[in-house]
Amino acid sequence: MEHRIDARGMKCPRPIVELAKARRRAAPGDVLAIDADDLAFASDVVAWCEATGAELLDLIRGEDATHARIKLHSGGPSR
């Protein structure tokens, strides 16, 4: 299942906080799709995936926002 998160207009650390909240509601194998326009988001989402054991499927920087798709796996630290 894919869960969509619109974090545009949110400043650091809110996009990652919203991502973490969505992760708690999702199941292993689910995909989180998030759009954020905070300048730190791209590096933050990479670090979050490394810390949580999630797989970063896509990271696309557009003119208005950065779009990321993350696949959740079982195990790993919970954040």
PDB file of N, CA and C in Angstrom:
ATOM      1  N   MET A   1       0.845  -1.173   0.000  1.00  0.00           N
ATOM      2  CA  MET A   1       0.000   0.000   0.000  1.00  0.00           C
ATOM      3  C   MET A   1       0.894   1.241   0.000  1.00  0.00           C
ATOM      4  N   GLU A   2       0.485   2.264  -0.733  1.00  0.00           N
ATOM      5  CA  GLU A   2       1.241   3.516  -0.755  1.00  0.00           C
ATOM      6  C   GLU A   2       0.508   4.569   0.066  1.00  0.00           C
ATOM      7  N   HIS A   3       1.245   5.243   0.930  1.00  0.00           N
ATOM      8  CA  HIS A   3       0.725   6.314   1.781  1.00  0.00           C
ATOM      9  C   HIS A   3       1.318   7.626   1.282  1.00  0.00           C
ATOM     10  N   ARG A   4       0.482   8.625   1.034  1.00  0.00           N
ATOM     11  CA  ARG A   4       0.943   9.914   0.527  1.00  0.00           C
ATOM     12  C   ARG A   4       1.000  10.935   1.659  1.00  0.00           C
ATOM     13  N   ILE A   5       2.082  11.716   1.657  1.00  0.00           N
ATOM     14  CA  ILE A   5       2.283  12.753   2.666  1.00  0.00           C
ATOM     15  C   ILE A   5       2.608  14.051   1.931  1.00  0.00           C
ATOM     16  N   ASP A   6       1.852  15.095   2.205  1.00  0.00           N
ATOM     17  CA  ASP A   6       2.131  16.409   1.642  1.00  0.00           C
ATOM     18  C   ASP A   6       2.750  17.261   2.747  1.00  0.00           C
ATOM     19  N   ALA A   7       4.054  17.430   2.689  1.00  0.00           N
ATOM     20  CA  ALA A   7       4.761  18.213   3.706  1.00  0.00           C
ATOM     21  C   ALA A   7       5.237  19.548   3.143  1.00  0.00           C
ATOM     22  N   ARG A   8       4.652  19.960   2.035  1.00  0.00           N
ATOM     23  CA  ARG A   8       5.016  21.264   1.471  1.00  0.00           C
ATOM     24  C   ARG A   8       4.570  22.366   2.422  1.00  0.00           C
ATOM     25  N   GLY A   9       5.442  23.358   2.580  1.00  0.00           N
ATOM     26  CA  GLY A   9       5.149  24.460   3.501  1.00  0.00           C
ATOM     27  C   GLY A   9       5.627  24.192   4.920  1.00  0.00           C
ATOM     28  N   MET A  10       6.086  22.990   5.195  1.00  0.00           N
ATOM     29  CA  MET A  10       6.593  22.643   6.521  1.00  0.00           C
ATOM     30  C   MET A  10       8.113  22.808   6.544  1.00  0.00           C
ATOM     31  N   LYS A  11       8.604  23.394   7.610  1.00  0.00           N
ATOM     32  CA  LYS A  11      10.044  23.598   7.760  1.00  0.00           C
ATOM     33  C   LYS A  11      10.641  22.507   8.630  1.00  0.00           C
ATOM     34  N   CYS A  12      11.930  22.265   8.438  1.00  0.00           N
ATOM     35  CA  CYS A  12      12.687  21.266   9.186  1.00  0.00           C
ATOM     36  C   CYS A  12      12.477  21.485  10.688  1.00  0.00           C
ATOM     37  N   PRO A  13      12.157  20.438  11.425  1.00  0.00           N
ATOM     38  CA  PRO A  13      12.171  19.016  11.107  1.00  0.00           C
ATOM     39  C   PRO A  13      10.798  18.425  10.781  1.00  0.00           C
ATOM     40  N   ARG A  14       9.778  19.253  10.574  1.00  0.00           N
ATOM     41  CA  ARG A  14       8.407  18.750  10.390  1.00  0.00           C
ATOM     42  C   ARG A  14       8.240  17.702   9.294  1.00  0.00           C
ATOM     43  N   PRO A  15       8.855  17.839   8.088  1.00  0.00           N
ATOM     44  CA  PRO A  15       8.660  16.783   7.086  1.00  0.00           C
ATOM     45  C   PRO A  15       9.115  15.404   7.595  1.00  0.00           C
ATOM     46  N   ILE A  16      10.214  15.343   8.319  1.00  0.00           N
ATOM     47  CA  ILE A  16      10.700  14.064   8.844  1.00  0.00           C
ATOM     48  C   ILE A  16       9.802  13.588   9.981  1.00  0.00           C
ATOM     49  N   VAL A  17       9.288  14.496  10.781  1.00  0.00           N
ATOM     50  CA  VAL A  17       8.345  14.126  11.839  1.00  0.00           C
ATOM     51  C   VAL A  17       7.096  13.507  11.222  1.00  0.00           C
ATOM     52  N   GLU A  18       6.585  14.110  10.155  1.00  0.00           N
ATOM     53  CA  GLU A  18       5.401  13.559   9.476  1.00  0.00           C
ATOM     54  C   GLU A  18       5.707  12.193   8.864  1.00  0.00           C
ATOM     55  N   LEU A  19       6.902  12.032   8.340  1.00  0.00           N
ATOM     56  CA  LEU A  19       7.332  10.749   7.794  1.00  0.00           C
ATOM     57  C   LEU A  19       7.368   9.684   8.890  1.00  0.00           C
ATOM     58  N   ALA A  20       7.907  10.033  10.041  1.00  0.00           N
ATOM     59  CA  ALA A  20       7.981   9.092  11.166  1.00  0.00           C
ATOM     60  C   ALA A  20       6.585   8.715  11.659  1.00  0.00           C
ATOM     61  N   LYS A  21       5.673   9.685  11.697  1.00  0.00           N
ATOM     62  CA  LYS A  21       4.297   9.379  12.118  1.00  0.00           C
ATOM     63  C   LYS A  21       3.632   8.423  11.132  1.00  0.00           C
ATOM     64  N   ALA A  22       3.842   8.651   9.843  1.00  0.00           N
ATOM     65  CA  ALA A  22       3.263   7.771   8.821  1.00  0.00           C
ATOM     66  C   ALA A  22       3.856   6.373   8.926  1.00  0.00           C
ATOM     67  N   ARG A  23       5.130   6.284   9.238  1.00  0.00           N
ATOM     68  CA  ARG A  23       5.788   4.977   9.378  1.00  0.00           C
ATOM     69  C   ARG A  23       5.140   4.162  10.496  1.00  0.00           C
ATOM     70  N   ARG A  24       4.777   4.811  11.581  1.00  0.00           N
ATOM     71  CA  ARG A  24       4.149   4.097  12.712  1.00  0.00           C
ATOM     72  C   ARG A  24       2.782   3.536  12.329  1.00  0.00           C
ATOM     73  N   ARG A  25       2.101   4.171  11.362  1.00  0.00           N
ATOM     74  CA  ARG A  25       0.771   3.708  10.934  1.00  0.00           C
ATOM     75  C   ARG A  25       0.852   2.701   9.794  1.00  0.00           C
ATOM     76  N   ALA A  26       2.019   2.559   9.181  1.00  0.00           N
ATOM     77  CA  ALA A  26       2.179   1.705   7.997  1.00  0.00           C
ATOM     78  C   ALA A  26       2.694   0.322   8.396  1.00  0.00           C
ATOM     79  N   ALA A  27       2.665  -0.571   7.435  1.00  0.00           N
ATOM     80  CA  ALA A  27       3.129  -1.945   7.640  1.00  0.00           C
ATOM     81  C   ALA A  27       4.405  -2.182   6.836  1.00  0.00           C
ATOM     82  N   PRO A  28       5.204  -3.178   7.241  1.00  0.00           N
ATOM     83  CA  PRO A  28       6.377  -3.521   6.435  1.00  0.00           C
ATOM     84  C   PRO A  28       5.954  -3.820   4.993  1.00  0.00           C
ATOM     85  N   GLY A  29       6.722  -3.322   4.046  1.00  0.00           N
ATOM     86  CA  GLY A  29       6.398  -3.485   2.638  1.00  0.00           C
ATOM     87  C   GLY A  29       5.636  -2.318   2.053  1.00  0.00           C
ATOM     88  N   ASP A  30       5.021  -1.492   2.908  1.00  0.00           N
ATOM     89  CA  ASP A  30       4.312  -0.311   2.423  1.00  0.00           C
ATOM     90  C   ASP A  30       5.307   0.717   1.892  1.00  0.00           C
ATOM     91  N   VAL A  31       4.813   1.609   1.066  1.00  0.00           N
ATOM     92  CA  VAL A  31       5.624   2.688   0.508  1.00  0.00           C
ATOM     93  C   VAL A  31       5.065   4.018   1.009  1.00  0.00           C
ATOM     94  N   LEU A  32       5.966   4.883   1.461  1.00  0.00           N
ATOM     95  CA  LEU A  32       5.596   6.239   1.853  1.00  0.00           C
ATOM     96  C   LEU A  32       6.047   7.168   0.734  1.00  0.00           C
ATOM     97  N   ALA A  33       5.126   7.953   0.194  1.00  0.00           N
ATOM     98  CA  ALA A  33       5.435   8.932  -0.853  1.00  0.00           C
ATOM     99  C   ALA A  33       5.248  10.309  -0.239  1.00  0.00           C
ATOM    100  N   ILE A  34       6.309  11.110  -0.215  1.00  0.00           N
ATOM    101  CA  ILE A  34       6.258  12.401   0.448  1.00  0.00           C
ATOM    102  C   ILE A  34       6.777  13.499  -0.459  1.00  0.00           C
ATOM    103  N   ASP A  35       6.086  14.634  -0.428  1.00  0.00           N
ATOM    104  CA  ASP A  35       6.507  15.839  -1.125  1.00  0.00           C
ATOM    105  C   ASP A  35       6.833  16.889  -0.077  1.00  0.00           C
ATOM    106  N   ALA A  36       8.009  17.516  -0.198  1.00  0.00           N
ATOM    107  CA  ALA A  36       8.413  18.553   0.742  1.00  0.00           C
ATOM    108  C   ALA A  36       9.200  19.614   0.000  1.00  0.00           C
ATOM    109  N   ASP A  37       9.047  20.863   0.446  1.00  0.00           N
ATOM    110  CA  ASP A  37       9.786  21.950  -0.197  1.00  0.00           C
ATOM    111  C   ASP A  37      10.839  22.567   0.718  1.00  0.00           C
ATOM    112  N   ASP A  38      11.054  21.996   1.890  1.00  0.00           N
ATOM    113  CA  ASP A  38      12.112  22.465   2.775  1.00  0.00           C
ATOM    114  C   ASP A  38      13.469  22.125   2.148  1.00  0.00           C
ATOM    115  N   LEU A  39      14.390  23.068   2.184  1.00  0.00           N
ATOM    116  CA  LEU A  39      15.685  22.877   1.530  1.00  0.00           C
ATOM    117  C   LEU A  39      16.498  21.738   2.130  1.00  0.00           C
ATOM    118  N   ALA A  40      16.304  21.429   3.395  1.00  0.00           N
ATOM    119  CA  ALA A  40      17.070  20.365   4.059  1.00  0.00           C
ATOM    120  C   ALA A  40      16.452  18.985   3.849  1.00  0.00           C
ATOM    121  N   PHE A  41      15.276  18.909   3.254  1.00  0.00           N
ATOM    122  CA  PHE A  41      14.566  17.641   3.187  1.00  0.00           C
ATOM    123  C   PHE A  41      15.342  16.542   2.476  1.00  0.00           C
ATOM    124  N   ALA A  42      15.957  16.836   1.348  1.00  0.00           N
ATOM    125  CA  ALA A  42      16.646  15.785   0.574  1.00  0.00           C
ATOM    126  C   ALA A  42      17.712  15.086   1.413  1.00  0.00           C
ATOM    127  N   SER A  43      18.556  15.838   2.087  1.00  0.00           N
ATOM    128  CA  SER A  43      19.593  15.206   2.912  1.00  0.00           C
ATOM    129  C   SER A  43      18.984  14.558   4.152  1.00  0.00           C
ATOM    130  N   ASP A  44      17.934  15.170   4.701  1.00  0.00           N
ATOM    131  CA  ASP A  44      17.280  14.598   5.884  1.00  0.00           C
ATOM    132  C   ASP A  44      16.642  13.244   5.585  1.00  0.00           C
ATOM    133  N   VAL A  45      15.975  13.116   4.435  1.00  0.00           N
ATOM    134  CA  VAL A  45      15.290  11.863   4.121  1.00  0.00           C
ATOM    135  C   VAL A  45      16.289  10.745   3.855  1.00  0.00           C
ATOM    136  N   VAL A  46      17.430  11.075   3.265  1.00  0.00           N
ATOM    137  CA  VAL A  46      18.474  10.069   3.057  1.00  0.00           C
ATOM    138  C   VAL A  46      18.971   9.561   4.406  1.00  0.00           C
ATOM    139  N   ALA A  47      19.256  10.486   5.327  1.00  0.00           N
ATOM    140  CA  ALA A  47      19.729  10.108   6.666  1.00  0.00           C
ATOM    141  C   ALA A  47      18.664   9.312   7.425  1.00  0.00           C
ATOM    142  N   TRP A  48      17.398   9.697   7.279  1.00  0.00           N
ATOM    143  CA  TRP A  48      16.310   8.996   7.970  1.00  0.00           C
ATOM    144  C   TRP A  48      16.202   7.561   7.473  1.00  0.00           C
ATOM    145  N   CYS A  49      16.313   7.367   6.175  1.00  0.00           N
ATOM    146  CA  CYS A  49      16.248   6.011   5.615  1.00  0.00           C
ATOM    147  C   CYS A  49      17.407   5.155   6.131  1.00  0.00           C
ATOM    148  N   GLU A  50      18.596   5.719   6.171  1.00  0.00           N
ATOM    149  CA  GLU A  50      19.751   4.978   6.693  1.00  0.00           C
ATOM    150  C   GLU A  50      19.551   4.610   8.163  1.00  0.00           C
ATOM    151  N   ALA A  51      18.999   5.529   8.940  1.00  0.00           N
ATOM    152  CA  ALA A  51      18.813   5.293  10.375  1.00  0.00           C
ATOM    153  C   ALA A  51      17.708   4.286  10.668  1.00  0.00           C
ATOM    154  N   THR A  52      16.700   4.224   9.808  1.00  0.00           N
ATOM    155  CA  THR A  52      15.547   3.364  10.076  1.00  0.00           C
ATOM    156  C   THR A  52      15.577   2.046   9.325  1.00  0.00           C
ATOM    157  N   GLY A  53      16.480   1.907   8.366  1.00  0.00           N
ATOM    158  CA  GLY A  53      16.531   0.693   7.566  1.00  0.00           C
ATOM    159  C   GLY A  53      15.519   0.682   6.433  1.00  0.00           C
ATOM    160  N   ALA A  54      14.912   1.834   6.155  1.00  0.00           N
ATOM    161  CA  ALA A  54      13.970   1.938   5.041  1.00  0.00           C
ATOM    162  C   ALA A  54      14.754   2.087   3.742  1.00  0.00           C
ATOM    163  N   GLU A  55      14.123   1.738   2.634  1.00  0.00           N
ATOM    164  CA  GLU A  55      14.765   1.791   1.316  1.00  0.00           C
ATOM    165  C   GLU A  55      14.264   3.005   0.541  1.00  0.00           C
ATOM    166  N   LEU A  56      15.173   3.888   0.190  1.00  0.00           N
ATOM    167  CA  LEU A  56      14.814   5.057  -0.599  1.00  0.00           C
ATOM    168  C   LEU A  56      14.687   4.627  -2.065  1.00  0.00           C
ATOM    169  N   LEU A  57      13.456   4.598  -2.564  1.00  0.00           N
ATOM    170  CA  LEU A  57      13.196   4.150  -3.931  1.00  0.00           C
ATOM    171  C   LEU A  57      13.440   5.256  -4.941  1.00  0.00           C
ATOM    172  N   ASP A  58      12.988   6.464  -4.625  1.00  0.00           N
ATOM    173  CA  ASP A  58      13.109   7.610  -5.526  1.00  0.00           C
ATOM    174  C   ASP A  58      13.380   8.858  -4.701  1.00  0.00           C
ATOM    175  N   LEU A  59      14.191   9.742  -5.240  1.00  0.00           N
ATOM    176  CA  LEU A  59      14.402  11.070  -4.676  1.00  0.00           C
ATOM    177  C   LEU A  59      14.536  12.010  -5.865  1.00  0.00           C
ATOM    178  N   ILE A  60      13.466  12.750  -6.121  1.00  0.00           N
ATOM    179  CA  ILE A  60      13.405  13.602  -7.306  1.00  0.00           C
ATOM    180  C   ILE A  60      13.230  15.049  -6.856  1.00  0.00           C
ATOM    181  N   ARG A  61      14.179  15.867  -7.250  1.00  0.00           N
ATOM    182  CA  ARG A  61      14.100  17.294  -6.916  1.00  0.00           C
ATOM    183  C   ARG A  61      13.429  18.032  -8.065  1.00  0.00           C
ATOM    184  N   GLY A  62      12.245  18.548  -7.793  1.00  0.00           N
ATOM    185  CA  GLY A  62      11.529  19.332  -8.785  1.00  0.00           C
ATOM    186  C   GLY A  62      11.720  20.816  -8.521  1.00  0.00           C
ATOM    187  N   GLU A  63      11.097  21.647  -9.344  1.00  0.00           N
ATOM    188  CA  GLU A  63      11.202  23.093  -9.168  1.00  0.00           C
ATOM    189  C   GLU A  63      10.532  23.560  -7.887  1.00  0.00           C
ATOM    190  N   ASP A  64       9.400  22.969  -7.543  1.00  0.00           N
ATOM    191  CA  ASP A  64       8.624  23.430  -6.401  1.00  0.00           C
ATOM    192  C   ASP A  64       8.765  22.554  -5.166  1.00  0.00           C
ATOM    193  N   ALA A  65       9.206  21.320  -5.318  1.00  0.00           N
ATOM    194  CA  ALA A  65       9.286  20.406  -4.177  1.00  0.00           C
ATOM    195  C   ALA A  65      10.197  19.234  -4.509  1.00  0.00           C
ATOM    196  N   THR A  66      10.604  18.554  -3.467  1.00  0.00           N
ATOM    197  CA  THR A  66      11.342  17.303  -3.607  1.00  0.00           C
ATOM    198  C   THR A  66      10.375  16.178  -3.304  1.00  0.00           C
ATOM    199  N   HIS A  67      10.387  15.165  -4.149  1.00  0.00           N
ATOM    200  CA  HIS A  67       9.497  14.012  -3.992  1.00  0.00           C
ATOM    201  C   HIS A  67      10.352  12.800  -3.638  1.00  0.00           C
ATOM    202  N   ALA A  68       9.941  12.093  -2.602  1.00  0.00           N
ATOM    203  CA  ALA A  68      10.644  10.873  -2.210  1.00  0.00           C
ATOM    204  C   ALA A  68       9.639   9.737  -2.064  1.00  0.00           C
ATOM    205  N   ARG A  69      10.068   8.540  -2.453  1.00  0.00           N
ATOM    206  CA  ARG A  69       9.288   7.316  -2.221  1.00  0.00           C
ATOM    207  C   ARG A  69      10.173   6.389  -1.428  1.00  0.00           C
ATOM    208  N   ILE A  70       9.632   5.877  -0.321  1.00  0.00           N
ATOM    209  CA  ILE A  70      10.395   5.084   0.639  1.00  0.00           C
ATOM    210  C   ILE A  70       9.649   3.789   0.906  1.00  0.00           C
ATOM    211  N   LYS A  71      10.355   2.669   0.775  1.00  0.00           N
ATOM    212  CA  LYS A  71       9.764   1.366   1.081  1.00  0.00           C
ATOM    213  C   LYS A  71      10.187   0.966   2.487  1.00  0.00           C
ATOM    214  N   LEU A  72       9.181   0.588   3.271  1.00  0.00           N
ATOM    215  CA  LEU A  72       9.441   0.199   4.652  1.00  0.00           C
ATOM    216  C   LEU A  72       9.743  -1.290   4.737  1.00  0.00           C
ATOM    217  N   HIS A  73      10.698  -1.621   5.573  1.00  0.00           N
ATOM    218  CA  HIS A  73      11.057  -3.011   5.826  1.00  0.00           C
ATOM    219  C   HIS A  73      10.831  -3.307   7.297  1.00  0.00           C
ATOM    220  N   SER A  74      10.705  -4.557   7.646  1.00  0.00           N
ATOM    221  CA  SER A  74      10.564  -4.916   9.060  1.00  0.00           C
ATOM    222  C   SER A  74      11.918  -4.788   9.738  1.00  0.00           C
ATOM    223  N   GLY A  75      11.877  -4.607  11.025  1.00  0.00           N
ATOM    224  CA  GLY A  75      13.122  -4.491  11.792  1.00  0.00           C
ATOM    225  C   GLY A  75      13.693  -3.110  11.689  1.00  0.00           C
ATOM    226  N   GLY A  76      14.881  -2.939  12.240  1.00  0.00           N
ATOM    227  CA  GLY A  76      15.538  -1.639  12.248  1.00  0.00           C
ATOM    228  C   GLY A  76      15.003  -0.778  13.362  1.00  0.00           C
ATOM    229  N   PRO A  77      15.685   0.291  13.666  1.00  0.00           N
ATOM    230  CA  PRO A  77      15.257   1.161  14.743  1.00  0.00           C
ATOM    231  C   PRO A  77      13.933   1.834  14.398  1.00  0.00           C
ATOM    232  N   SER A  78      13.150   2.112  15.382  1.00  0.00           N
ATOM    233  CA  SER A  78      11.875   2.803  15.198  1.00  0.00           C
ATOM    234  C   SER A  78      12.079   4.278  15.507  1.00  0.00           C
ATOM    235  N   ARG A  79      11.702   5.140  14.548  1.00  0.00           N
ATOM    236  CA  ARG A  79      11.838   6.581  14.740  1.00  0.00           C
ATOM    237  C   ARG A  79      10.566   7.269  14.364  1.00  0.00           C
TER     238      ARG A  79
END
